[in-house]
Amino acid sequence: MNLHEYQSKVLFSEYGIPVPQGFVAYSEQDARSAAARLGGEVWVVKAQVHAGGRGKAGGVRVARTIDEVGEYAKEMLGTFLVTHQSTENGLPVDCVYIEQGSAIDQEFY
C-alpha cells in the first residue's frame, strides 16, 4: 500500500499523533489559499509522490511569502520528480501539500 504524506498525516492525527497542520493543493491558487488559511510566516510546499529523496530533488521548498507558495506549487505541479528512489523518468506531481513551517531540531527518515 502506498500513501502520500498528507494521507499518512490524516491517519496519524486520527490516532492522536501530533502533526503540523496542512492542506493538499491541486493548483497554484489552491496552494495560495491553503497558505492563507494556515496563516503564519513560513510554509513548506511538498510534492506528493511515492518516493523518498524529494527534498534533494527539489520537491520540498520553504516559502516565506504566499507568492512564493504559489510560485513553488506552480513549478512542481504537472511535472515529473526524479529522485534516487524513482524511475529515471520520475513520478508525476499531481498535487502538493502545503504545511505550516516549523523550527527543525532533528529529522528522521
PDB file of N, CA and C in Angstrom:
ATOM      1  N   MET A   1       0.847  -1.168   0.000  1.00  0.00           N
ATOM      2  CA  MET A   1       0.000   0.000   0.000  1.00  0.00           C
ATOM      3  C   MET A   1       0.896   1.235   0.000  1.00  0.00           C
ATOM      4  N   ASN A   2       0.584   2.174  -0.833  1.00  0.00           N
ATOM      5  CA  ASN A   2       1.312   3.437  -0.893  1.00  0.00           C
ATOM      6  C   ASN A   2       0.399   4.567  -0.463  1.00  0.00           C
ATOM      7  N   LEU A   3       0.864   5.365   0.463  1.00  0.00           N
ATOM      8  CA  LEU A   3       0.125   6.540   0.920  1.00  0.00           C
ATOM      9  C   LEU A   3       0.974   7.774   0.671  1.00  0.00           C
ATOM     10  N   HIS A   4       0.315   8.840   0.255  1.00  0.00           N
ATOM     11  CA  HIS A   4       1.012  10.119   0.176  1.00  0.00           C
ATOM     12  C   HIS A   4       1.221  10.630   1.600  1.00  0.00           C
ATOM     13  N   GLU A   5       2.133  11.555   1.749  1.00  0.00           N
ATOM     14  CA  GLU A   5       2.418  12.130   3.061  1.00  0.00           C
ATOM     15  C   GLU A   5       1.155  12.691   3.701  1.00  0.00           C
ATOM     16  N   TYR A   6       0.359  13.431   2.942  1.00  0.00           N
ATOM     17  CA  TYR A   6      -0.828  14.046   3.528  1.00  0.00           C
ATOM     18  C   TYR A   6      -1.825  12.993   3.998  1.00  0.00           C
ATOM     19  N   GLN A   7      -1.914  11.865   3.312  1.00  0.00           N
ATOM     20  CA  GLN A   7      -2.812  10.788   3.729  1.00  0.00           C
ATOM     21  C   GLN A   7      -2.310  10.148   5.023  1.00  0.00           C
ATOM     22  N   SER A   8      -1.024   9.973   5.131  1.00  0.00           N
ATOM     23  CA  SER A   8      -0.431   9.415   6.351  1.00  0.00           C
ATOM     24  C   SER A   8      -0.677  10.329   7.541  1.00  0.00           C
ATOM     25  N   LYS A   9      -0.570  11.628   7.306  1.00  0.00           N
ATOM     26  CA  LYS A   9      -0.748  12.579   8.405  1.00  0.00           C
ATOM     27  C   LYS A   9      -2.188  12.614   8.892  1.00  0.00           C
ATOM     28  N   VAL A  10      -3.147  12.367   8.015  1.00  0.00           N
ATOM     29  CA  VAL A  10      -4.543  12.249   8.446  1.00  0.00           C
ATOM     30  C   VAL A  10      -4.679  11.070   9.406  1.00  0.00           C
ATOM     31  N   LEU A  11      -4.087   9.940   9.049  1.00  0.00           N
ATOM     32  CA  LEU A  11      -4.137   8.759   9.921  1.00  0.00           C
ATOM     33  C   LEU A  11      -3.442   9.033  11.259  1.00  0.00           C
ATOM     34  N   PHE A  12      -2.275   9.647  11.223  1.00  0.00           N
ATOM     35  CA  PHE A  12      -1.579   9.983  12.467  1.00  0.00           C
ATOM     36  C   PHE A  12      -2.477  10.822  13.363  1.00  0.00           C
ATOM     37  N   SER A  13      -3.074  11.842  12.786  1.00  0.00           N
ATOM     38  CA  SER A  13      -3.929  12.755  13.532  1.00  0.00           C
ATOM     39  C   SER A  13      -5.115  12.023  14.159  1.00  0.00           C
ATOM     40  N   GLU A  14      -5.709  11.091  13.411  1.00  0.00           N
ATOM     41  CA  GLU A  14      -6.851  10.331  13.924  1.00  0.00           C
ATOM     42  C   GLU A  14      -6.477   9.497  15.144  1.00  0.00           C
ATOM     43  N   TYR A  15      -5.207   9.142  15.280  1.00  0.00           N
ATOM     44  CA  TYR A  15      -4.743   8.348  16.414  1.00  0.00           C
ATOM     45  C   TYR A  15      -4.009   9.189  17.459  1.00  0.00           C
ATOM     46  N   GLY A  16      -4.199  10.497  17.387  1.00  0.00           N
ATOM     47  CA  GLY A  16      -3.662  11.381  18.407  1.00  0.00           C
ATOM     48  C   GLY A  16      -2.195  11.725  18.283  1.00  0.00           C
ATOM     49  N   ILE A  17      -1.587  11.396  17.160  1.00  0.00           N
ATOM     50  CA  ILE A  17      -0.184  11.742  16.945  1.00  0.00           C
ATOM     51  C   ILE A  17      -0.134  13.161  16.387  1.00  0.00           C
ATOM     52  N   PRO A  18       0.535  14.081  17.072  1.00  0.00           N
ATOM     53  CA  PRO A  18       0.541  15.469  16.599  1.00  0.00           C
ATOM     54  C   PRO A  18       1.298  15.632  15.277  1.00  0.00           C
ATOM     55  N   VAL A  19       0.702  16.357  14.372  1.00  0.00           N
ATOM     56  CA  VAL A  19       1.315  16.673  13.080  1.00  0.00           C
ATOM     57  C   VAL A  19       1.056  18.142  12.772  1.00  0.00           C
ATOM     58  N   PRO A  20       1.943  18.782  12.029  1.00  0.00           N
ATOM     59  CA  PRO A  20       1.676  20.166  11.625  1.00  0.00           C
ATOM     60  C   PRO A  20       0.430  20.217  10.744  1.00  0.00           C
ATOM     61  N   GLN A  21      -0.304  21.305  10.853  1.00  0.00           N
ATOM     62  CA  GLN A  21      -1.499  21.458  10.029  1.00  0.00           C
ATOM     63  C   GLN A  21      -1.097  21.716   8.583  1.00  0.00           C
ATOM     64  N   GLY A  22      -1.881  21.175   7.660  1.00  0.00           N
ATOM     65  CA  GLY A  22      -1.604  21.380   6.249  1.00  0.00           C
ATOM     66  C   GLY A  22      -2.801  21.052   5.390  1.00  0.00           C
ATOM     67  N   PHE A  23      -2.695  21.408   4.119  1.00  0.00           N
ATOM     68  CA  PHE A  23      -3.765  21.170   3.152  1.00  0.00           C
ATOM     69  C   PHE A  23      -3.163  20.706   1.832  1.00  0.00           C
ATOM     70  N   VAL A  24      -3.863  19.810   1.162  1.00  0.00           N
ATOM     71  CA  VAL A  24      -3.441  19.363  -0.159  1.00  0.00           C
ATOM     72  C   VAL A  24      -3.906  20.396  -1.182  1.00  0.00           C
ATOM     73  N   ALA A  25      -3.113  20.603  -2.235  1.00  0.00           N
ATOM     74  CA  ALA A  25      -3.440  21.580  -3.273  1.00  0.00           C
ATOM     75  C   ALA A  25      -3.187  20.969  -4.645  1.00  0.00           C
ATOM     76  N   TYR A  26      -4.123  21.222  -5.553  1.00  0.00           N
ATOM     77  CA  TYR A  26      -4.032  20.696  -6.916  1.00  0.00           C
ATOM     78  C   TYR A  26      -3.746  21.787  -7.944  1.00  0.00           C
ATOM     79  N   SER A  27      -3.634  23.031  -7.474  1.00  0.00           N
ATOM     80  CA  SER A  27      -3.347  24.147  -8.377  1.00  0.00           C
ATOM     81  C   SER A  27      -2.584  25.222  -7.613  1.00  0.00           C
ATOM     82  N   GLU A  28      -2.043  26.164  -8.366  1.00  0.00           N
ATOM     83  CA  GLU A  28      -1.344  27.293  -7.753  1.00  0.00           C
ATOM     84  C   GLU A  28      -2.286  28.052  -6.827  1.00  0.00           C
ATOM     85  N   GLN A  29      -3.521  28.289  -7.284  1.00  0.00           N
ATOM     86  CA  GLN A  29      -4.483  29.029  -6.466  1.00  0.00           C
ATOM     87  C   GLN A  29      -4.859  28.255  -5.211  1.00  0.00           C
ATOM     88  N   ASP A  30      -5.038  26.926  -5.334  1.00  0.00           N
ATOM     89  CA  ASP A  30      -5.295  26.094  -4.148  1.00  0.00           C
ATOM     90  C   ASP A  30      -4.166  26.265  -3.130  1.00  0.00           C
ATOM     91  N   ALA A  31      -2.934  26.290  -3.619  1.00  0.00           N
ATOM     92  CA  ALA A  31      -1.772  26.406  -2.740  1.00  0.00           C
ATOM     93  C   ALA A  31      -1.769  27.750  -2.017  1.00  0.00           C
ATOM     94  N   ARG A  32      -2.043  28.812  -2.747  1.00  0.00           N
ATOM     95  CA  ARG A  32      -2.109  30.142  -2.132  1.00  0.00           C
ATOM     96  C   ARG A  32      -3.210  30.197  -1.073  1.00  0.00           C
ATOM     97  N   SER A  33      -4.366  29.637  -1.405  1.00  0.00           N
ATOM     98  CA  SER A  33      -5.492  29.619  -0.463  1.00  0.00           C
ATOM     99  C   SER A  33      -5.150  28.812   0.784  1.00  0.00           C
ATOM    100  N   ALA A  34      -4.463  27.692   0.593  1.00  0.00           N
ATOM    101  CA  ALA A  34      -4.064  26.859   1.731  1.00  0.00           C
ATOM    102  C   ALA A  34      -3.144  27.639   2.666  1.00  0.00           C
ATOM    103  N   ALA A  35      -2.168  28.337   2.113  1.00  0.00           N
ATOM    104  CA  ALA A  35      -1.242  29.123   2.932  1.00  0.00           C
ATOM    105  C   ALA A  35      -1.989  30.223   3.684  1.00  0.00           C
ATOM    106  N   ALA A  36      -2.927  30.869   3.011  1.00  0.00           N
ATOM    107  CA  ALA A  36      -3.710  31.917   3.665  1.00  0.00           C
ATOM    108  C   ALA A  36      -4.535  31.340   4.817  1.00  0.00           C
ATOM    109  N   ARG A  37      -5.127  30.173   4.606  1.00  0.00           N
ATOM    110  CA  ARG A  37      -5.919  29.520   5.661  1.00  0.00           C
ATOM    111  C   ARG A  37      -5.042  29.128   6.845  1.00  0.00           C
ATOM    112  N   LEU A  38      -3.831  28.675   6.564  1.00  0.00           N
ATOM    113  CA  LEU A  38      -2.919  28.259   7.629  1.00  0.00           C
ATOM    114  C   LEU A  38      -2.396  29.442   8.428  1.00  0.00           C
ATOM    115  N   GLY A  39      -2.239  30.585   7.754  1.00  0.00           N
ATOM    116  CA  GLY A  39      -1.652  31.737   8.415  1.00  0.00           C
ATOM    117  C   GLY A  39      -0.167  31.515   8.665  1.00  0.00           C
ATOM    118  N   GLY A  40       0.422  32.420   9.399  1.00  0.00           N
ATOM    119  CA  GLY A  40       1.841  32.295   9.721  1.00  0.00           C
ATOM    120  C   GLY A  40       2.724  33.033   8.739  1.00  0.00           C
ATOM    121  N   GLU A  41       4.017  32.792   8.868  1.00  0.00           N
ATOM    122  CA  GLU A  41       5.008  33.494   8.052  1.00  0.00           C
ATOM    123  C   GLU A  41       5.871  32.563   7.221  1.00  0.00           C
ATOM    124  N   VAL A  42       5.786  31.247   7.494  1.00  0.00           N
ATOM    125  CA  VAL A  42       6.602  30.273   6.768  1.00  0.00           C
ATOM    126  C   VAL A  42       5.750  29.052   6.467  1.00  0.00           C
ATOM    127  N   TRP A  43       5.866  28.554   5.229  1.00  0.00           N
ATOM    128  CA  TRP A  43       5.137  27.368   4.791  1.00  0.00           C
ATOM    129  C   TRP A  43       6.109  26.449   4.065  1.00  0.00           C
ATOM    130  N   VAL A  44       5.751  25.172   4.016  1.00  0.00           N
ATOM    131  CA  VAL A  44       6.545  24.213   3.264  1.00  0.00           C
ATOM    132  C   VAL A  44       5.662  23.654   2.156  1.00  0.00           C
ATOM    133  N   VAL A  45       6.161  23.708   0.929  1.00  0.00           N
ATOM    134  CA  VAL A  45       5.448  23.185  -0.242  1.00  0.00           C
ATOM    135  C   VAL A  45       6.109  21.856  -0.590  1.00  0.00           C
ATOM    136  N   LYS A  46       5.310  20.766  -0.543  1.00  0.00           N
ATOM    137  CA  LYS A  46       5.871  19.425  -0.705  1.00  0.00           C
ATOM    138  C   LYS A  46       5.188  18.677  -1.842  1.00  0.00           C
ATOM    139  N   ALA A  47       5.968  18.276  -2.833  1.00  0.00           N
ATOM    140  CA  ALA A  47       5.448  17.441  -3.920  1.00  0.00           C
ATOM    141  C   ALA A  47       5.000  16.110  -3.325  1.00  0.00           C
ATOM    142  N   GLN A  48       3.820  15.642  -3.733  1.00  0.00           N
ATOM    143  CA  GLN A  48       3.299  14.378  -3.221  1.00  0.00           C
ATOM    144  C   GLN A  48       3.532  13.280  -4.250  1.00  0.00           C
ATOM    145  N   VAL A  49       4.607  12.525  -4.032  1.00  0.00           N
ATOM    146  CA  VAL A  49       4.946  11.372  -4.871  1.00  0.00           C
ATOM    147  C   VAL A  49       5.356  10.233  -3.946  1.00  0.00           C
ATOM    148  N   HIS A  50       5.260   9.019  -4.441  1.00  0.00           N
ATOM    149  CA  HIS A  50       5.626   7.848  -3.650  1.00  0.00           C
ATOM    150  C   HIS A  50       7.109   7.530  -3.822  1.00  0.00           C
ATOM    151  N   ALA A  51       7.959   8.389  -3.288  1.00  0.00           N
ATOM    152  CA  ALA A  51       9.407   8.173  -3.341  1.00  0.00           C
ATOM    153  C   ALA A  51      10.073   9.050  -2.300  1.00  0.00           C
ATOM    154  N   GLY A  52      11.156   8.558  -1.749  1.00  0.00           N
ATOM    155  CA  GLY A  52      11.968   9.355  -0.853  1.00  0.00           C
ATOM    156  C   GLY A  52      12.931  10.219  -1.649  1.00  0.00           C
ATOM    157  N   GLY A  53      13.600  11.104  -0.956  1.00  0.00           N
ATOM    158  CA  GLY A  53      14.568  11.971  -1.615  1.00  0.00           C
ATOM    159  C   GLY A  53      13.952  13.184  -2.271  1.00  0.00           C
ATOM    160  N   ARG A  54      12.714  13.518  -1.891  1.00  0.00           N
ATOM    161  CA  ARG A  54      12.036  14.665  -2.512  1.00  0.00           C
ATOM    162  C   ARG A  54      12.770  15.968  -2.272  1.00  0.00           C
ATOM    163  N   GLY A  55      13.274  16.151  -1.061  1.00  0.00           N
ATOM    164  CA  GLY A  55      13.955  17.404  -0.737  1.00  0.00           C
ATOM    165  C   GLY A  55      15.183  17.636  -1.597  1.00  0.00           C
ATOM    166  N   LYS A  56      16.013  16.626  -1.735  1.00  0.00           N
ATOM    167  CA  LYS A  56      17.222  16.751  -2.549  1.00  0.00           C
ATOM    168  C   LYS A  56      16.900  16.934  -4.022  1.00  0.00           C
ATOM    169  N   ALA A  57      15.723  16.466  -4.444  1.00  0.00           N
ATOM    170  CA  ALA A  57      15.328  16.567  -5.852  1.00  0.00           C
ATOM    171  C   ALA A  57      14.547  17.846  -6.153  1.00  0.00           C
ATOM    172  N   GLY A  58      14.366  18.715  -5.165  1.00  0.00           N
ATOM    173  CA  GLY A  58      13.636  19.965  -5.386  1.00  0.00           C
ATOM    174  C   GLY A  58      12.146  19.855  -5.144  1.00  0.00           C
ATOM    175  N   GLY A  59      11.703  18.760  -4.552  1.00  0.00           N
ATOM    176  CA  GLY A  59      10.277  18.554  -4.311  1.00  0.00           C
ATOM    177  C   GLY A  59       9.793  19.019  -2.956  1.00  0.00           C
ATOM    178  N   VAL A  60      10.663  19.663  -2.178  1.00  0.00           N
ATOM    179  CA  VAL A  60      10.287  20.260  -0.896  1.00  0.00           C
ATOM    180  C   VAL A  60      10.926  21.637  -0.845  1.00  0.00           C
ATOM    181  N   ARG A  61      10.085  22.668  -0.739  1.00  0.00           N
ATOM    182  CA  ARG A  61      10.592  24.047  -0.760  1.00  0.00           C
ATOM    183  C   ARG A  61       9.996  24.832   0.400  1.00  0.00           C
ATOM    184  N   VAL A  62      10.802  25.647   1.046  1.00  0.00           N
ATOM    185  CA  VAL A  62      10.345  26.516   2.124  1.00  0.00           C
ATOM    186  C   VAL A  62       9.985  27.867   1.521  1.00  0.00           C
ATOM    187  N   ALA A  63       8.763  28.314   1.806  1.00  0.00           N
ATOM    188  CA  ALA A  63       8.272  29.592   1.278  1.00  0.00           C
ATOM    189  C   ALA A  63       8.086  30.581   2.421  1.00  0.00           C
ATOM    190  N   ARG A  64       8.462  31.822   2.181  1.00  0.00           N
ATOM    191  CA  ARG A  64       8.338  32.856   3.202  1.00  0.00           C
ATOM    192  C   ARG A  64       7.268  33.893   2.866  1.00  0.00           C
ATOM    193  N   THR A  65       6.643  33.748   1.702  1.00  0.00           N
ATOM    194  CA  THR A  65       5.507  34.601   1.327  1.00  0.00           C
ATOM    195  C   THR A  65       4.468  33.731   0.624  1.00  0.00           C
ATOM    196  N   ILE A  66       3.241  34.212   0.606  1.00  0.00           N
ATOM    197  CA  ILE A  66       2.189  33.474  -0.103  1.00  0.00           C
ATOM    198  C   ILE A  66       2.495  33.439  -1.596  1.00  0.00           C
ATOM    199  N   ASP A  67       3.110  34.496  -2.119  1.00  0.00           N
ATOM    200  CA  ASP A  67       3.503  34.479  -3.533  1.00  0.00           C
ATOM    201  C   ASP A  67       4.495  33.351  -3.811  1.00  0.00           C
ATOM    202  N   GLU A  68       5.446  33.136  -2.904  1.00  0.00           N
ATOM    203  CA  GLU A  68       6.393  32.027  -3.079  1.00  0.00           C
ATOM    204  C   GLU A  68       5.688  30.678  -3.020  1.00  0.00           C
ATOM    205  N   VAL A  69       4.696  30.539  -2.139  1.00  0.00           N
ATOM    206  CA  VAL A  69       3.930  29.289  -2.074  1.00  0.00           C
ATOM    207  C   VAL A  69       3.335  28.989  -3.443  1.00  0.00           C
ATOM    208  N   GLY A  70       2.677  29.991  -4.036  1.00  0.00           N
ATOM    209  CA  GLY A  70       2.078  29.811  -5.355  1.00  0.00           C
ATOM    210  C   GLY A  70       3.112  29.508  -6.425  1.00  0.00           C
ATOM    211  N   GLU A  71       4.225  30.222  -6.377  1.00  0.00           N
ATOM    212  CA  GLU A  71       5.302  30.023  -7.361  1.00  0.00           C
ATOM    213  C   GLU A  71       5.864  28.602  -7.285  1.00  0.00           C
ATOM    214  N   TYR A  72       6.153  28.130  -6.079  1.00  0.00           N
ATOM    215  CA  TYR A  72       6.719  26.786  -5.919  1.00  0.00           C
ATOM    216  C   TYR A  72       5.721  25.710  -6.331  1.00  0.00           C
ATOM    217  N   ALA A  73       4.452  25.912  -5.968  1.00  0.00           N
ATOM    218  CA  ALA A  73       3.424  24.941  -6.366  1.00  0.00           C
ATOM    219  C   ALA A  73       3.322  24.878  -7.885  1.00  0.00           C
ATOM    220  N   LYS A  74       3.321  26.037  -8.526  1.00  0.00           N
ATOM    221  CA  LYS A  74       3.226  26.087  -9.991  1.00  0.00           C
ATOM    222  C   LYS A  74       4.418  25.380 -10.637  1.00  0.00           C
ATOM    223  N   GLU A  75       5.619  25.568 -10.063  1.00  0.00           N
ATOM    224  CA  GLU A  75       6.824  24.920 -10.598  1.00  0.00           C
ATOM    225  C   GLU A  75       6.759  23.397 -10.484  1.00  0.00           C
ATOM    226  N   MET A  76       6.120  22.898  -9.423  1.00  0.00           N
ATOM    227  CA  MET A  76       6.092  21.449  -9.179  1.00  0.00           C
ATOM    228  C   MET A  76       4.946  20.738  -9.886  1.00  0.00           C
ATOM    229  N   LEU A  77       3.759  21.330  -9.839  1.00  0.00           N
ATOM    230  CA  LEU A  77       2.565  20.659 -10.356  1.00  0.00           C
ATOM    231  C   LEU A  77       2.678  20.390 -11.854  1.00  0.00           C
ATOM    232  N   GLY A  78       2.297  19.184 -12.239  1.00  0.00           N
ATOM    233  CA  GLY A  78       2.320  18.808 -13.649  1.00  0.00           C
ATOM    234  C   GLY A  78       3.681  18.369 -14.160  1.00  0.00           C
ATOM    235  N   THR A  79       4.661  18.310 -13.264  1.00  0.00           N
ATOM    236  CA  THR A  79       5.999  17.873 -13.666  1.00  0.00           C
ATOM    237  C   THR A  79       6.231  16.434 -13.210  1.00  0.00           C
ATOM    238  N   PHE A  80       7.390  15.912 -13.537  1.00  0.00           N
ATOM    239  CA  PHE A  80       7.806  14.589 -13.078  1.00  0.00           C
ATOM    240  C   PHE A  80       9.019  14.783 -12.179  1.00  0.00           C
ATOM    241  N   LEU A  81       8.927  14.321 -10.946  1.00  0.00           N
ATOM    242  CA  LEU A  81      10.012  14.472  -9.988  1.00  0.00           C
ATOM    243  C   LEU A  81      10.898  13.231 -10.026  1.00  0.00           C
ATOM    244  N   VAL A  82      12.172  13.449 -10.295  1.00  0.00           N
ATOM    245  CA  VAL A  82      13.146  12.359 -10.347  1.00  0.00           C
ATOM    246  C   VAL A  82      13.932  12.369  -9.038  1.00  0.00           C
ATOM    247  N   THR A  83      13.850  11.267  -8.295  1.00  0.00           N
ATOM    248  CA  THR A  83      14.612  11.114  -7.055  1.00  0.00           C
ATOM    249  C   THR A  83      15.443   9.839  -7.151  1.00  0.00           C
ATOM    250  N   HIS A  84      16.250   9.601  -6.132  1.00  0.00           N
ATOM    251  CA  HIS A  84      17.059   8.376  -6.122  1.00  0.00           C
ATOM    252  C   HIS A  84      16.192   7.129  -5.967  1.00  0.00           C
ATOM    253  N   GLN A  85      14.917   7.293  -5.600  1.00  0.00           N
ATOM    254  CA  GLN A  85      14.020   6.148  -5.448  1.00  0.00           C
ATOM    255  C   GLN A  85      13.010   6.018  -6.585  1.00  0.00           C
ATOM    256  N   SER A  86      13.027   6.931  -7.529  1.00  0.00           N
ATOM    257  CA  SER A  86      12.069   6.870  -8.639  1.00  0.00           C
ATOM    258  C   SER A  86      12.729   6.241  -9.864  1.00  0.00           C
ATOM    259  N   THR A  87      11.933   6.050 -10.889  1.00  0.00           N
ATOM    260  CA  THR A  87      12.495   5.624 -12.166  1.00  0.00           C
ATOM    261  C   THR A  87      13.237   6.806 -12.783  1.00  0.00           C
ATOM    262  N   GLU A  88      13.970   6.553 -13.837  1.00  0.00           N
ATOM    263  CA  GLU A  88      14.720   7.647 -14.485  1.00  0.00           C
ATOM    264  C   GLU A  88      13.798   8.694 -15.088  1.00  0.00           C
ATOM    265  N   ASN A  89      12.541   8.318 -15.362  1.00  0.00           N
ATOM    266  CA  ASN A  89      11.570   9.271 -15.902  1.00  0.00           C
ATOM    267  C   ASN A  89      10.877  10.074 -14.812  1.00  0.00           C
ATOM    268  N   GLY A  90      11.027   9.658 -13.571  1.00  0.00           N
ATOM    269  CA  GLY A  90      10.412  10.362 -12.460  1.00  0.00           C
ATOM    270  C   GLY A  90       8.975   9.952 -12.228  1.00  0.00           C
ATOM    271  N   LEU A  91       8.373  10.599 -11.239  1.00  0.00           N
ATOM    272  CA  LEU A  91       6.983  10.345 -10.867  1.00  0.00           C
ATOM    273  C   LEU A  91       6.174  11.621 -11.036  1.00  0.00           C
ATOM    274  N   PRO A  92       4.922  11.505 -11.506  1.00  0.00           N
ATOM    275  CA  PRO A  92       4.119  12.703 -11.741  1.00  0.00           C
ATOM    276  C   PRO A  92       3.728  13.390 -10.437  1.00  0.00           C
ATOM    277  N   VAL A  93       3.821  14.706 -10.441  1.00  0.00           N
ATOM    278  CA  VAL A  93       3.389  15.507  -9.296  1.00  0.00           C
ATOM    279  C   VAL A  93       1.999  16.047  -9.632  1.00  0.00           C
ATOM    280  N   ASP A  94       0.983  15.378  -9.087  1.00  0.00           N
ATOM    281  CA  ASP A  94      -0.404  15.769  -9.333  1.00  0.00           C
ATOM    282  C   ASP A  94      -0.937  16.701  -8.253  1.00  0.00           C
ATOM    283  N   CYS A  95      -0.289  16.677  -7.080  1.00  0.00           N
ATOM    284  CA  CYS A  95      -0.713  17.563  -6.004  1.00  0.00           C
ATOM    285  C   CYS A  95       0.487  17.875  -5.119  1.00  0.00           C
ATOM    286  N   VAL A  96       0.344  18.938  -4.364  1.00  0.00           N
ATOM    287  CA  VAL A  96       1.358  19.329  -3.390  1.00  0.00           C
ATOM    288  C   VAL A  96       0.680  19.458  -2.033  1.00  0.00           C
ATOM    289  N   TYR A  97       1.476  19.352  -0.988  1.00  0.00           N
ATOM    290  CA  TYR A  97       0.978  19.506   0.367  1.00  0.00           C
ATOM    291  C   TYR A  97       1.561  20.790   0.918  1.00  0.00           C
ATOM    292  N   ILE A  98       0.685  21.685   1.379  1.00  0.00           N
ATOM    293  CA  ILE A  98       1.109  22.953   1.957  1.00  0.00           C
ATOM    294  C   ILE A  98       0.992  22.809   3.465  1.00  0.00           C
ATOM    295  N   GLU A  99       2.114  22.995   4.142  1.00  0.00           N
ATOM    296  CA  GLU A  99       2.161  22.745   5.576  1.00  0.00           C
ATOM    297  C   GLU A  99       2.744  23.953   6.291  1.00  0.00           C
ATOM    298  N   GLN A 100       2.317  24.164   7.528  1.00  0.00           N
ATOM    299  CA  GLN A 100       2.899  25.217   8.343  1.00  0.00           C
ATOM    300  C   GLN A 100       4.380  24.942   8.537  1.00  0.00           C
ATOM    301  N   GLY A 101       5.178  25.970   8.415  1.00  0.00           N
ATOM    302  CA  GLY A 101       6.598  25.821   8.677  1.00  0.00           C
ATOM    303  C   GLY A 101       6.851  25.741  10.174  1.00  0.00           C
ATOM    304  N   SER A 102       7.924  25.090  10.557  1.00  0.00           N
ATOM    305  CA  SER A 102       8.281  24.990  11.972  1.00  0.00           C
ATOM    306  C   SER A 102       9.796  24.872  12.093  1.00  0.00           C
ATOM    307  N   ALA A 103      10.286  25.174  13.268  1.00  0.00           N
ATOM    308  CA  ALA A 103      11.721  25.032  13.526  1.00  0.00           C
ATOM    309  C   ALA A 103      12.064  23.547  13.545  1.00  0.00           C
ATOM    310  N   ILE A 104      13.201  23.196  12.991  1.00  0.00           N
ATOM    311  CA  ILE A 104      13.613  21.792  12.912  1.00  0.00           C
ATOM    312  C   ILE A 104      14.758  21.557  13.890  1.00  0.00           C
ATOM    313  N   ASP A 105      14.524  20.688  14.859  1.00  0.00           N
ATOM    314  CA  ASP A 105      15.586  20.287  15.782  1.00  0.00           C
ATOM    315  C   ASP A 105      16.313  19.060  15.262  1.00  0.00           C
ATOM    316  N   GLN A 106      15.518  18.121  14.694  1.00  0.00           N
ATOM    317  CA  GLN A 106      16.085  16.864  14.231  1.00  0.00           C
ATOM    318  C   GLN A 106      15.139  16.272  13.196  1.00  0.00           C
ATOM    319  N   GLU A 107      15.696  15.628  12.166  1.00  0.00           N
ATOM    320  CA  GLU A 107      14.883  14.981  11.136  1.00  0.00           C
ATOM    321  C   GLU A 107      15.127  13.479  11.161  1.00  0.00           C
ATOM    322  N   PHE A 108      14.053  12.723  10.925  1.00  0.00           N
ATOM    323  CA  PHE A 108      14.144  11.267  10.848  1.00  0.00           C
ATOM    324  C   PHE A 108      13.531  10.809   9.544  1.00  0.00           C
ATOM    325  N   TYR A 109      14.130   9.816   8.909  1.00  0.00           N
ATOM    326  CA  TYR A 109      13.611   9.278   7.660  1.00  0.00           C
ATOM    327  C   TYR A 109      13.382   7.802   7.809  1.00  0.00           C
TER     328      TYR A 109
END
